Amino acid sequence: MPDLDRRAFAAMLPALFAALSPEALSPEAQAQQPAGTPAKAPLKTLTSGVYPPGPDHGSGGRKAHSFLAGMLTAGNIQIEMHETEQQPGTPHEAIGTHLHNEIWLVREGTCDLMTNGVTRRMNAGDVGLCCAGDTHWVSNAGDTVCKYFVVTVGPPEPR
């Protein structure tokens, strides 16, 4: 088998993501999904343009607002972006894993990013990355507000 270079690998990504999507499940696997579960509306396809922030939501020292969420036209790739603000002393979010990758861009303050049991400090201007499948959480590590943008990219998550 010939070596797989980065261009060939990148060309295969849309097919790999499509294979991971719920729509790609075999009829047997689809039949195992809970009966009576209402069908979710498909995510909208995003287009080039400007996306202003949506309304604030949240509680317990954490608030956020979304900018965009949907599917990219090139392949079966979902993207979502929001900004989160955490007050000092706010407990970290629940430990989680996802099919998508998450990128944090710290705008203000100091955050701790835990991935797979290792905690790393992020300051204003830093970028953090959590690859798909890694356990993670983010928390405010300072005595002032911490603000960061989150961009998620990957296959659609089950909804």
Protein backbone atom coordinates (compact mmCIF):
# COMPACT_ATOMS: atom_id res chain seq x y z
CA MET A 1 0.00 0.00 0.00
CA PRO A 2 1.47 3.41 -0.91
CA ASP A 3 2.20 5.99 1.78
CA LEU A 4 -0.71 8.27 2.61
CA ASP A 5 0.38 11.90 2.42
CA ARG A 6 -1.44 14.79 4.10
CA ARG A 7 -3.25 15.83 0.91
CA ALA A 8 -4.64 12.35 0.32
CA PHE A 9 -5.64 12.11 3.98
CA ALA A 10 -7.37 15.52 3.84
CA ALA A 11 -9.24 14.44 0.70
CA MET A 12 -10.61 11.42 2.62
CA LEU A 13 -11.89 13.40 5.63
CA PRO A 14 -15.37 14.26 4.27
CA ALA A 15 -16.02 10.58 3.54
CA LEU A 16 -14.82 9.59 7.01
CA PHE A 17 -17.05 12.19 8.66
CA ALA A 18 -20.00 11.06 6.56
CA ALA A 19 -19.43 7.47 7.70
CA LEU A 20 -19.71 8.61 11.33
CA SER A 21 -22.99 10.46 10.87
CA PRO A 22 -26.30 9.08 12.20
CA GLU A 23 -27.64 9.02 8.63
CA ALA A 24 -24.92 6.50 7.74
CA LEU A 25 -26.19 3.96 10.31
CA SER A 26 -27.32 0.63 8.95
CA PRO A 27 -31.07 -0.05 9.03
CA GLU A 28 -30.42 -2.46 11.93
CA ALA A 29 -28.64 0.24 13.94
CA GLN A 30 -31.35 2.78 13.13
CA ALA A 31 -33.98 0.29 14.34
CA GLN A 32 -32.22 0.11 17.73
CA GLN A 33 -32.77 3.82 18.37
CA PRO A 34 -35.53 4.51 20.93
CA ALA A 35 -39.03 4.17 19.50
CA GLY A 36 -41.17 7.26 19.57
CA THR A 37 -38.17 9.58 19.56
CA PRO A 38 -39.25 12.62 17.56
CA ALA A 39 -37.17 13.33 14.49
CA LYS A 40 -34.90 16.33 14.92
CA ALA A 41 -34.93 19.07 12.33
CA PRO A 42 -31.79 18.95 10.22
CA LEU A 43 -29.16 21.55 10.99
CA LYS A 44 -29.17 24.45 8.59
CA THR A 45 -26.43 24.77 5.99
CA LEU A 46 -24.27 27.78 6.74
CA THR A 47 -23.23 30.28 4.10
CA SER A 48 -20.45 32.83 3.95
CA GLY A 49 -21.35 36.01 5.79
CA VAL A 50 -21.47 37.77 9.14
CA TYR A 51 -23.07 36.19 12.21
CA PRO A 52 -23.85 38.61 15.07
CA PRO A 53 -24.08 37.28 18.64
CA GLY A 54 -27.37 35.87 19.85
CA PRO A 55 -29.00 36.58 23.22
CA ASP A 56 -27.23 35.71 26.48
CA HIS A 57 -28.21 32.54 28.34
CA GLY A 58 -26.79 30.67 31.31
CA SER A 59 -26.73 30.57 35.10
CA GLY A 60 -24.51 29.89 38.10
CA GLY A 61 -21.73 32.31 37.24
CA ARG A 62 -21.57 31.25 33.59
CA LYS A 63 -23.28 32.91 30.64
CA ALA A 64 -22.90 32.46 26.91
CA HIS A 65 -24.23 33.58 23.58
CA SER A 66 -24.11 31.76 20.26
CA PHE A 67 -22.93 33.15 16.97
CA LEU A 68 -23.58 30.29 14.57
CA ALA A 69 -24.39 26.58 14.42
CA GLY A 70 -24.92 24.44 11.36
CA MET A 71 -23.42 22.37 8.61
CA LEU A 72 -20.69 23.37 6.18
CA THR A 73 -21.42 22.75 2.51
CA ALA A 74 -18.10 20.95 1.93
CA GLY A 75 -18.74 17.52 3.39
CA ASN A 76 -20.58 16.34 6.45
CA ILE A 77 -18.97 18.80 8.88
CA GLN A 78 -20.81 20.60 11.67
CA ILE A 79 -19.48 23.88 13.06
CA GLU A 80 -20.67 25.87 16.06
CA MET A 81 -19.29 29.01 17.71
CA HIS A 82 -20.19 30.71 20.96
CA GLU A 83 -18.63 32.98 23.57
CA THR A 84 -18.67 32.05 27.26
CA GLU A 85 -18.08 34.27 30.28
CA GLN A 86 -17.24 32.69 33.66
CA GLN A 87 -17.13 34.59 36.93
CA PRO A 88 -14.37 33.88 39.48
CA GLY A 89 -15.13 30.84 41.63
CA THR A 90 -17.57 29.31 39.15
CA PRO A 91 -17.28 25.50 39.24
CA HIS A 92 -15.94 23.99 36.04
CA GLU A 93 -18.37 22.63 33.52
CA ALA A 94 -19.19 18.93 33.53
CA ILE A 95 -16.45 16.63 32.25
CA GLY A 96 -17.41 15.64 28.73
CA THR A 97 -16.38 14.04 25.46
CA HIS A 98 -17.65 14.72 21.95
CA LEU A 99 -17.35 13.51 18.38
CA HIS A 100 -16.22 17.01 17.41
CA ASN A 101 -13.03 18.95 18.17
CA GLU A 102 -13.18 22.05 20.37
CA ILE A 103 -10.99 25.13 20.09
CA TRP A 104 -10.93 27.80 22.82
CA LEU A 105 -9.70 31.33 22.11
CA VAL A 106 -9.21 33.18 25.41
CA ARG A 107 -10.27 36.80 25.10
CA GLU A 108 -9.95 37.98 28.70
CA GLY A 109 -8.76 36.54 32.03
CA THR A 110 -7.21 33.20 32.91
CA CYS A 111 -8.73 29.74 32.37
CA ASP A 112 -7.73 26.19 33.19
CA LEU A 113 -8.27 23.63 30.42
CA MET A 114 -8.27 19.99 31.50
CA THR A 115 -7.86 17.36 28.78
CA ASN A 116 -7.53 13.67 29.63
CA GLY A 117 -6.60 14.42 33.24
CA VAL A 118 -3.93 17.06 32.48
CA THR A 119 -4.74 20.67 33.45
CA ARG A 120 -3.14 23.50 31.49
CA ARG A 121 -3.32 27.26 32.10
CA MET A 122 -4.65 29.55 29.33
CA ASN A 123 -4.26 33.34 29.48
CA ALA A 124 -5.79 36.08 27.33
CA GLY A 125 -4.58 35.57 23.77
CA ASP A 126 -3.97 31.82 24.17
CA VAL A 127 -5.66 29.08 22.17
CA GLY A 128 -6.58 25.68 23.61
CA LEU A 129 -7.49 22.55 21.68
CA CYS A 130 -9.39 19.42 22.68
CA CYS A 131 -9.40 16.69 20.06
CA ALA A 132 -12.53 14.63 19.48
CA GLY A 133 -13.03 11.93 22.10
CA ASP A 134 -10.79 13.49 24.77
CA THR A 135 -12.30 14.18 28.20
CA HIS A 136 -12.24 17.87 29.06
CA TRP A 137 -13.50 20.85 31.04
CA VAL A 138 -12.74 24.58 31.24
CA SER A 139 -12.86 26.76 34.36
CA ASN A 140 -12.00 30.29 35.43
CA ALA A 141 -8.58 30.11 37.13
CA GLY A 142 -8.29 33.78 38.07
CA ASP A 143 -9.84 36.40 40.32
CA THR A 144 -11.43 38.34 37.43
CA VAL A 145 -13.95 37.37 34.77
CA CYS A 146 -12.75 34.89 32.13
CA LYS A 147 -14.13 35.25 28.58
CA TYR A 148 -13.41 32.87 25.72
CA PHE A 149 -14.72 31.91 22.31
CA VAL A 150 -15.41 28.24 21.58
CA VAL A 151 -15.38 26.83 18.04
CA THR A 152 -16.48 23.22 17.54
CA VAL A 153 -15.77 21.39 14.29
CA GLY A 154 -16.49 17.79 13.38
CA PRO A 155 -19.17 15.31 12.44
CA PRO A 156 -22.72 15.99 13.58
CA GLU A 157 -23.37 15.00 17.18
CA PRO A 158 -26.39 12.78 17.88
CA ARG A 159 -29.28 15.07 18.81
